[in-house]
């Protein structure tokens, strides 16, 4: 449970406000699966639901 919090909290902070610096998310961001065509991780390795 604590490990899930350590990963989910920086992602949530990034999703709410992308302009603020978030060092924890920059580390986690490297671990997402990326799209072979587009090269990005949004809607491929990271999905954000409303």
C-alpha atoms as a PDB file:
ATOM      1  CA  UNK A   1       0.000   0.000   0.000  1.00  0.00           C
ATOM      2  CA  UNK A   2       2.803   2.419   0.795  1.00  0.00           C
ATOM      3  CA  UNK A   3       4.560   1.628  -2.473  1.00  0.00           C
ATOM      4  CA  UNK A   4       1.371   2.394  -4.390  1.00  0.00           C
ATOM      5  CA  UNK A   5       1.148   5.760  -2.609  1.00  0.00           C
ATOM      6  CA  UNK A   6       4.775   6.558  -3.446  1.00  0.00           C
ATOM      7  CA  UNK A   7       4.035   6.055  -7.137  1.00  0.00           C
ATOM      8  CA  UNK A   8       0.470   7.381  -7.376  1.00  0.00           C
ATOM      9  CA  UNK A   9       0.884  10.651  -5.479  1.00  0.00           C
ATOM     10  CA  UNK A  10       3.466  12.251  -7.820  1.00  0.00           C
ATOM     11  CA  UNK A  11       1.411  11.177 -10.847  1.00  0.00           C
ATOM     12  CA  UNK A  12      -1.702  12.755  -9.348  1.00  0.00           C
ATOM     13  CA  UNK A  13       0.131  15.987  -8.559  1.00  0.00           C
ATOM     14  CA  UNK A  14       1.435  16.110 -12.148  1.00  0.00           C
ATOM     15  CA  UNK A  15      -2.045  15.440 -13.580  1.00  0.00           C
ATOM     16  CA  UNK A  16      -3.576  18.295 -11.573  1.00  0.00           C
ATOM     17  CA  UNK A  17      -0.890  20.905 -12.291  1.00  0.00           C
ATOM     18  CA  UNK A  18       1.646  20.216 -15.045  1.00  0.00           C
ATOM     19  CA  UNK A  19       3.389  23.581 -14.647  1.00  0.00           C
ATOM     20  CA  UNK A  20       4.905  22.918 -11.204  1.00  0.00           C
ATOM     21  CA  UNK A  21       8.225  21.122 -10.871  1.00  0.00           C
ATOM     22  CA  UNK A  22       7.799  17.546  -9.705  1.00  0.00           C
ATOM     23  CA  UNK A  23      11.104  15.693  -9.293  1.00  0.00           C
ATOM     24  CA  UNK A  24       9.445  12.439  -8.250  1.00  0.00           C
ATOM     25  CA  UNK A  25       7.320  12.376 -11.406  1.00  0.00           C
ATOM     26  CA  UNK A  26      10.334  13.030 -13.632  1.00  0.00           C
ATOM     27  CA  UNK A  27      11.867   9.822 -12.270  1.00  0.00           C
ATOM     28  CA  UNK A  28       8.642   7.796 -12.611  1.00  0.00           C
ATOM     29  CA  UNK A  29       8.038   9.198 -16.101  1.00  0.00           C
ATOM     30  CA  UNK A  30      11.022   7.234 -17.431  1.00  0.00           C
ATOM     31  CA  UNK A  31       9.368   3.965 -16.376  1.00  0.00           C
ATOM     32  CA  UNK A  32       6.158   4.339 -18.456  1.00  0.00           C
ATOM     33  CA  UNK A  33       5.634   2.287 -21.594  1.00  0.00           C
ATOM     34  CA  UNK A  34       5.896   4.529 -24.659  1.00  0.00           C
ATOM     35  CA  UNK A  35       4.087   4.252 -27.949  1.00  0.00           C
ATOM     36  CA  UNK A  36       6.274   2.837 -30.720  1.00  0.00           C
ATOM     37  CA  UNK A  37       4.753   5.228 -33.282  1.00  0.00           C
ATOM     38  CA  UNK A  38       4.298   8.473 -31.368  1.00  0.00           C
ATOM     39  CA  UNK A  39       6.982   7.971 -28.728  1.00  0.00           C
ATOM     40  CA  UNK A  40       4.807   9.367 -25.943  1.00  0.00           C
ATOM     41  CA  UNK A  41       3.333   7.689 -22.922  1.00  0.00           C
ATOM     42  CA  UNK A  42      -0.013   9.517 -22.639  1.00  0.00           C
ATOM     43  CA  UNK A  43      -2.945   7.231 -23.498  1.00  0.00           C
ATOM     44  CA  UNK A  44      -0.492   4.362 -23.950  1.00  0.00           C
ATOM     45  CA  UNK A  45       1.467   3.845 -20.740  1.00  0.00           C
ATOM     46  CA  UNK A  46      -0.461   6.401 -18.676  1.00  0.00           C
ATOM     47  CA  UNK A  47      -4.202   6.873 -18.945  1.00  0.00           C
ATOM     48  CA  UNK A  48      -5.969   9.713 -17.172  1.00  0.00           C
ATOM     49  CA  UNK A  49      -9.698   9.367 -16.681  1.00  0.00           C
ATOM     50  CA  UNK A  50     -11.939  12.353 -15.890  1.00  0.00           C
END
